[in-house]
Amino acid sequence: QTGPHAALSQKLLNEVAAARVCLLN
């Protein structure tokens, strides 16, 4: 998140969070 690709890191974090929510419901 603090590196040169911080924005991509955040987008991937959002995708992982969405996967978590979906697969745990």
PDB file of all heavy atoms in Angstrom:
ATOM      1  N   GLN A   1       0.796  -1.229   0.000  1.00  0.00           N
ATOM      2  CA  GLN A   1       0.000   0.000   0.000  1.00  0.00           C
ATOM      3  C   GLN A   1       0.827   1.277   0.000  1.00  0.00           C
ATOM      4  O   GLN A   1       0.314   2.325  -0.354  1.00  0.00           O
ATOM      5  CB  GLN A   1      -0.962   0.018   1.190  1.00  0.00           C
ATOM      6  CG  GLN A   1      -2.158  -0.875   0.977  1.00  0.00           C
ATOM      7  CD  GLN A   1      -3.192  -0.706   2.056  1.00  0.00           C
ATOM      8  OE1 GLN A   1      -2.882  -0.800   3.234  1.00  0.00           O
ATOM      9  NE2 GLN A   1      -4.421  -0.458   1.646  1.00  0.00           N
ATOM     10  N   THR A   2       2.070   1.216   0.386  1.00  0.00           N
ATOM     11  CA  THR A   2       2.891   2.427   0.400  1.00  0.00           C
ATOM     12  C   THR A   2       3.874   2.461  -0.754  1.00  0.00           C
ATOM     13  O   THR A   2       4.655   3.388  -0.864  1.00  0.00           O
ATOM     14  CB  THR A   2       3.673   2.533   1.728  1.00  0.00           C
ATOM     15  OG1 THR A   2       4.492   1.367   1.871  1.00  0.00           O
ATOM     16  CG2 THR A   2       2.727   2.675   2.900  1.00  0.00           C
ATOM     17  N   GLY A   3       3.842   1.479  -1.626  1.00  0.00           N
ATOM     18  CA  GLY A   3       4.768   1.403  -2.740  1.00  0.00           C
ATOM     19  C   GLY A   3       4.262   2.132  -3.972  1.00  0.00           C
ATOM     20  O   GLY A   3       3.247   2.834  -3.944  1.00  0.00           O
ATOM     21  N   PRO A   4       4.973   1.941  -5.078  1.00  0.00           N
ATOM     22  CA  PRO A   4       4.621   2.648  -6.315  1.00  0.00           C
ATOM     23  C   PRO A   4       3.287   2.197  -6.926  1.00  0.00           C
ATOM     24  O   PRO A   4       2.725   2.901  -7.748  1.00  0.00           O
ATOM     25  CB  PRO A   4       5.786   2.320  -7.262  1.00  0.00           C
ATOM     26  CG  PRO A   4       6.384   1.075  -6.723  1.00  0.00           C
ATOM     27  CD  PRO A   4       6.166   1.109  -5.236  1.00  0.00           C
ATOM     28  N   HIS A   5       2.804   1.045  -6.510  1.00  0.00           N
ATOM     29  CA  HIS A   5       1.535   0.537  -7.050  1.00  0.00           C
ATOM     30  C   HIS A   5       0.463   0.499  -5.955  1.00  0.00           C
ATOM     31  O   HIS A   5      -0.341  -0.434  -5.894  1.00  0.00           O
ATOM     32  CB  HIS A   5       1.727  -0.858  -7.640  1.00  0.00           C
ATOM     33  CG  HIS A   5       2.729  -0.903  -8.751  1.00  0.00           C
ATOM     34  ND1 HIS A   5       2.503  -0.335  -9.982  1.00  0.00           N
ATOM     35  CD2 HIS A   5       3.987  -1.412  -8.796  1.00  0.00           C
ATOM     36  CE1 HIS A   5       3.559  -0.515 -10.743  1.00  0.00           C
ATOM     37  NE2 HIS A   5       4.477  -1.162 -10.043  1.00  0.00           N
ATOM     38  N   ALA A   6       0.437   1.519  -5.128  1.00  0.00           N
ATOM     39  CA  ALA A   6      -0.501   1.571  -4.004  1.00  0.00           C
ATOM     40  C   ALA A   6      -1.956   1.504  -4.467  1.00  0.00           C
ATOM     41  O   ALA A   6      -2.778   0.842  -3.837  1.00  0.00           O
ATOM     42  CB  ALA A   6      -0.255   2.836  -3.183  1.00  0.00           C
ATOM     43  N   ALA A   7      -2.275   2.163  -5.555  1.00  0.00           N
ATOM     44  CA  ALA A   7      -3.655   2.164  -6.040  1.00  0.00           C
ATOM     45  C   ALA A   7      -4.078   0.756  -6.474  1.00  0.00           C
ATOM     46  O   ALA A   7      -5.204   0.323  -6.190  1.00  0.00           O
ATOM     47  CB  ALA A   7      -3.813   3.145  -7.200  1.00  0.00           C
ATOM     48  N   LEU A   8      -3.180   0.024  -7.149  1.00  0.00           N
ATOM     49  CA  LEU A   8      -3.500  -1.346  -7.542  1.00  0.00           C
ATOM     50  C   LEU A   8      -3.636  -2.240  -6.320  1.00  0.00           C
ATOM     51  O   LEU A   8      -4.486  -3.135  -6.279  1.00  0.00           O
ATOM     52  CB  LEU A   8      -2.426  -1.902  -8.480  1.00  0.00           C
ATOM     53  CG  LEU A   8      -2.428  -1.340  -9.892  1.00  0.00           C
ATOM     54  CD1 LEU A   8      -1.240  -1.875 -10.680  1.00  0.00           C
ATOM     55  CD2 LEU A   8      -3.724  -1.681 -10.596  1.00  0.00           C
ATOM     56  N   SER A   9      -2.818  -1.989  -5.311  1.00  0.00           N
ATOM     57  CA  SER A   9      -2.909  -2.748  -4.064  1.00  0.00           C
ATOM     58  C   SER A   9      -4.281  -2.557  -3.439  1.00  0.00           C
ATOM     59  O   SER A   9      -4.914  -3.517  -3.000  1.00  0.00           O
ATOM     60  CB  SER A   9      -1.817  -2.319  -3.093  1.00  0.00           C
ATOM     61  OG  SER A   9      -2.001  -2.903  -1.834  1.00  0.00           O
ATOM     62  N   GLN A  10      -4.761  -1.332  -3.412  1.00  0.00           N
ATOM     63  CA  GLN A  10      -6.068  -1.050  -2.828  1.00  0.00           C
ATOM     64  C   GLN A  10      -7.183  -1.708  -3.621  1.00  0.00           C
ATOM     65  O   GLN A  10      -8.118  -2.259  -3.046  1.00  0.00           O
ATOM     66  CB  GLN A  10      -6.311   0.458  -2.732  1.00  0.00           C
ATOM     67  CG  GLN A  10      -7.595   0.817  -2.018  1.00  0.00           C
ATOM     68  CD  GLN A  10      -7.642   0.271  -0.600  1.00  0.00           C
ATOM     69  OE1 GLN A  10      -6.715   0.468   0.188  1.00  0.00           O
ATOM     70  NE2 GLN A  10      -8.709  -0.426  -0.260  1.00  0.00           N
ATOM     71  N   LYS A  11      -7.086  -1.693  -4.939  1.00  0.00           N
ATOM     72  CA  LYS A  11      -8.112  -2.326  -5.766  1.00  0.00           C
ATOM     73  C   LYS A  11      -8.137  -3.835  -5.542  1.00  0.00           C
ATOM     74  O   LYS A  11      -9.205  -4.439  -5.460  1.00  0.00           O
ATOM     75  CB  LYS A  11      -7.902  -1.990  -7.234  1.00  0.00           C
ATOM     76  CG  LYS A  11      -8.250  -0.543  -7.523  1.00  0.00           C
ATOM     77  CD  LYS A  11      -8.043  -0.184  -8.947  1.00  0.00           C
ATOM     78  CE  LYS A  11      -8.429   1.284  -9.078  1.00  0.00           C
ATOM     79  NZ  LYS A  11      -7.953   1.938 -10.221  1.00  0.00           N
ATOM     80  N   LEU A  12      -6.958  -4.447  -5.426  1.00  0.00           N
ATOM     81  CA  LEU A  12      -6.909  -5.876  -5.144  1.00  0.00           C
ATOM     82  C   LEU A  12      -7.446  -6.172  -3.752  1.00  0.00           C
ATOM     83  O   LEU A  12      -8.129  -7.179  -3.550  1.00  0.00           O
ATOM     84  CB  LEU A  12      -5.474  -6.394  -5.270  1.00  0.00           C
ATOM     85  CG  LEU A  12      -5.106  -6.996  -6.613  1.00  0.00           C
ATOM     86  CD1 LEU A  12      -3.639  -7.385  -6.644  1.00  0.00           C
ATOM     87  CD2 LEU A  12      -5.954  -8.181  -6.931  1.00  0.00           C
ATOM     88  N   LEU A  13      -7.142  -5.320  -2.787  1.00  0.00           N
ATOM     89  CA  LEU A  13      -7.701  -5.488  -1.440  1.00  0.00           C
ATOM     90  C   LEU A  13      -9.224  -5.449  -1.486  1.00  0.00           C
ATOM     91  O   LEU A  13      -9.888  -6.241  -0.806  1.00  0.00           O
ATOM     92  CB  LEU A  13      -7.180  -4.396  -0.496  1.00  0.00           C
ATOM     93  CG  LEU A  13      -5.833  -4.659   0.139  1.00  0.00           C
ATOM     94  CD1 LEU A  13      -5.257  -3.379   0.742  1.00  0.00           C
ATOM     95  CD2 LEU A  13      -5.945  -5.726   1.208  1.00  0.00           C
ATOM     96  N   ASN A  14      -9.768  -4.559  -2.283  1.00  0.00           N
ATOM     97  CA  ASN A  14     -11.228  -4.479  -2.424  1.00  0.00           C
ATOM     98  C   ASN A  14     -11.788  -5.751  -3.045  1.00  0.00           C
ATOM     99  O   ASN A  14     -12.845  -6.229  -2.640  1.00  0.00           O
ATOM    100  CB  ASN A  14     -11.622  -3.264  -3.262  1.00  0.00           C
ATOM    101  CG  ASN A  14     -11.345  -1.953  -2.561  1.00  0.00           C
ATOM    102  OD1 ASN A  14     -11.127  -1.903  -1.351  1.00  0.00           O
ATOM    103  ND2 ASN A  14     -11.300  -0.870  -3.322  1.00  0.00           N
ATOM    104  N   GLU A  15     -11.085  -6.311  -4.029  1.00  0.00           N
ATOM    105  CA  GLU A  15     -11.541  -7.554  -4.655  1.00  0.00           C
ATOM    106  C   GLU A  15     -11.490  -8.712  -3.667  1.00  0.00           C
ATOM    107  O   GLU A  15     -12.404  -9.538  -3.614  1.00  0.00           O
ATOM    108  CB  GLU A  15     -10.701  -7.876  -5.890  1.00  0.00           C
ATOM    109  CG  GLU A  15     -10.997  -6.973  -7.060  1.00  0.00           C
ATOM    110  CD  GLU A  15     -10.265  -7.395  -8.319  1.00  0.00           C
ATOM    111  OE1 GLU A  15     -10.094  -8.605  -8.548  1.00  0.00           O
ATOM    112  OE2 GLU A  15      -9.860  -6.498  -9.082  1.00  0.00           O
ATOM    113  N   VAL A  16     -10.423  -8.773  -2.871  1.00  0.00           N
ATOM    114  CA  VAL A  16     -10.300  -9.834  -1.864  1.00  0.00           C
ATOM    115  C   VAL A  16     -11.397  -9.680  -0.812  1.00  0.00           C
ATOM    116  O   VAL A  16     -12.009 -10.665  -0.388  1.00  0.00           O
ATOM    117  CB  VAL A  16      -8.897  -9.836  -1.227  1.00  0.00           C
ATOM    118  CG1 VAL A  16      -8.837 -10.742  -0.017  1.00  0.00           C
ATOM    119  CG2 VAL A  16      -7.855 -10.259  -2.254  1.00  0.00           C
ATOM    120  N   ALA A  17     -11.670  -8.450  -0.412  1.00  0.00           N
ATOM    121  CA  ALA A  17     -12.741  -8.207   0.568  1.00  0.00           C
ATOM    122  C   ALA A  17     -14.099  -8.629   0.005  1.00  0.00           C
ATOM    123  O   ALA A  17     -14.914  -9.235   0.711  1.00  0.00           O
ATOM    124  CB  ALA A  17     -12.760  -6.737   0.974  1.00  0.00           C
ATOM    125  N   ALA A  18     -14.340  -8.348  -1.268  1.00  0.00           N
ATOM    126  CA  ALA A  18     -15.599  -8.759  -1.902  1.00  0.00           C
ATOM    127  C   ALA A  18     -15.694 -10.283  -1.973  1.00  0.00           C
ATOM    128  O   ALA A  18     -16.761 -10.859  -1.726  1.00  0.00           O
ATOM    129  CB  ALA A  18     -15.712  -8.151  -3.296  1.00  0.00           C
ATOM    130  N   ALA A  19     -14.579 -10.935  -2.277  1.00  0.00           N
ATOM    131  CA  ALA A  19     -14.557 -12.404  -2.318  1.00  0.00           C
ATOM    132  C   ALA A  19     -14.851 -12.973  -0.942  1.00  0.00           C
ATOM    133  O   ALA A  19     -15.617 -13.932  -0.800  1.00  0.00           O
ATOM    134  CB  ALA A  19     -13.196 -12.889  -2.816  1.00  0.00           C
ATOM    135  N   ARG A  20     -14.269 -12.384   0.074  1.00  0.00           N
ATOM    136  CA  ARG A  20     -14.483 -12.833   1.458  1.00  0.00           C
ATOM    137  C   ARG A  20     -15.950 -12.730   1.841  1.00  0.00           C
ATOM    138  O   ARG A  20     -16.538 -13.675   2.368  1.00  0.00           O
ATOM    139  CB  ARG A  20     -13.618 -11.983   2.381  1.00  0.00           C
ATOM    140  CG  ARG A  20     -13.800 -12.259   3.825  1.00  0.00           C
ATOM    141  CD  ARG A  20     -13.042 -11.212   4.625  1.00  0.00           C
ATOM    142  NE  ARG A  20     -12.865 -11.652   5.967  1.00  0.00           N
ATOM    143  CZ  ARG A  20     -11.989 -11.137   6.794  1.00  0.00           C
ATOM    144  NH1 ARG A  20     -11.198 -10.173   6.399  1.00  0.00           N
ATOM    145  NH2 ARG A  20     -11.909 -11.574   8.010  1.00  0.00           N
ATOM    146  N   VAL A  21     -16.547 -11.583   1.572  1.00  0.00           N
ATOM    147  CA  VAL A  21     -17.954 -11.360   1.919  1.00  0.00           C
ATOM    148  C   VAL A  21     -18.838 -12.358   1.189  1.00  0.00           C
ATOM    149  O   VAL A  21     -19.728 -12.968   1.787  1.00  0.00           O
ATOM    150  CB  VAL A  21     -18.374  -9.907   1.580  1.00  0.00           C
ATOM    151  CG1 VAL A  21     -19.881  -9.737   1.638  1.00  0.00           C
ATOM    152  CG2 VAL A  21     -17.701  -8.932   2.538  1.00  0.00           C
ATOM    153  N   CYS A  22     -18.581 -12.548  -0.087  1.00  0.00           N
ATOM    154  CA  CYS A  22     -19.406 -13.458  -0.891  1.00  0.00           C
ATOM    155  C   CYS A  22     -19.284 -14.900  -0.413  1.00  0.00           C
ATOM    156  O   CYS A  22     -20.282 -15.580  -0.223  1.00  0.00           O
ATOM    157  CB  CYS A  22     -19.000 -13.359  -2.358  1.00  0.00           C
ATOM    158  SG  CYS A  22     -19.905 -14.492  -3.432  1.00  0.00           S
ATOM    159  N   LEU A  23     -18.050 -15.370  -0.194  1.00  0.00           N
ATOM    160  CA  LEU A  23     -17.847 -16.784   0.132  1.00  0.00           C
ATOM    161  C   LEU A  23     -18.191 -17.122   1.576  1.00  0.00           C
ATOM    162  O   LEU A  23     -18.393 -18.291   1.902  1.00  0.00           O
ATOM    163  CB  LEU A  23     -16.405 -17.189  -0.177  1.00  0.00           C
ATOM    164  CG  LEU A  23     -16.010 -17.102  -1.653  1.00  0.00           C
ATOM    165  CD1 LEU A  23     -14.567 -17.541  -1.849  1.00  0.00           C
ATOM    166  CD2 LEU A  23     -16.946 -17.904  -2.530  1.00  0.00           C
ATOM    167  N   LEU A  24     -18.291 -16.123   2.449  1.00  0.00           N
ATOM    168  CA  LEU A  24     -18.658 -16.395   3.841  1.00  0.00           C
ATOM    169  C   LEU A  24     -20.149 -16.241   4.107  1.00  0.00           C
ATOM    170  O   LEU A  24     -20.625 -16.581   5.179  1.00  0.00           O
ATOM    171  CB  LEU A  24     -17.852 -15.504   4.790  1.00  0.00           C
ATOM    172  CG  LEU A  24     -16.371 -15.867   4.906  1.00  0.00           C
ATOM    173  CD1 LEU A  24     -15.644 -14.868   5.775  1.00  0.00           C
ATOM    174  CD2 LEU A  24     -16.188 -17.282   5.438  1.00  0.00           C
ATOM    175  N   ASN A  25     -20.900 -15.763   3.120  1.00  0.00           N
ATOM    176  CA  ASN A  25     -22.348 -15.640   3.234  1.00  0.00           C
ATOM    177  C   ASN A  25     -22.957 -16.821   2.479  1.00  0.00           C
ATOM    178  O   ASN A  25     -22.755 -16.960   1.272  1.00  0.00           O
ATOM    179  CB  ASN A  25     -22.807 -14.308   2.630  1.00  0.00           C
ATOM    180  CG  ASN A  25     -24.294 -14.137   2.676  1.00  0.00           C
ATOM    181  OD1 ASN A  25     -25.041 -14.919   2.099  1.00  0.00           O
ATOM    182  ND2 ASN A  25     -24.735 -13.090   3.345  1.00  0.00           N
TER     183      ASN A  25
END
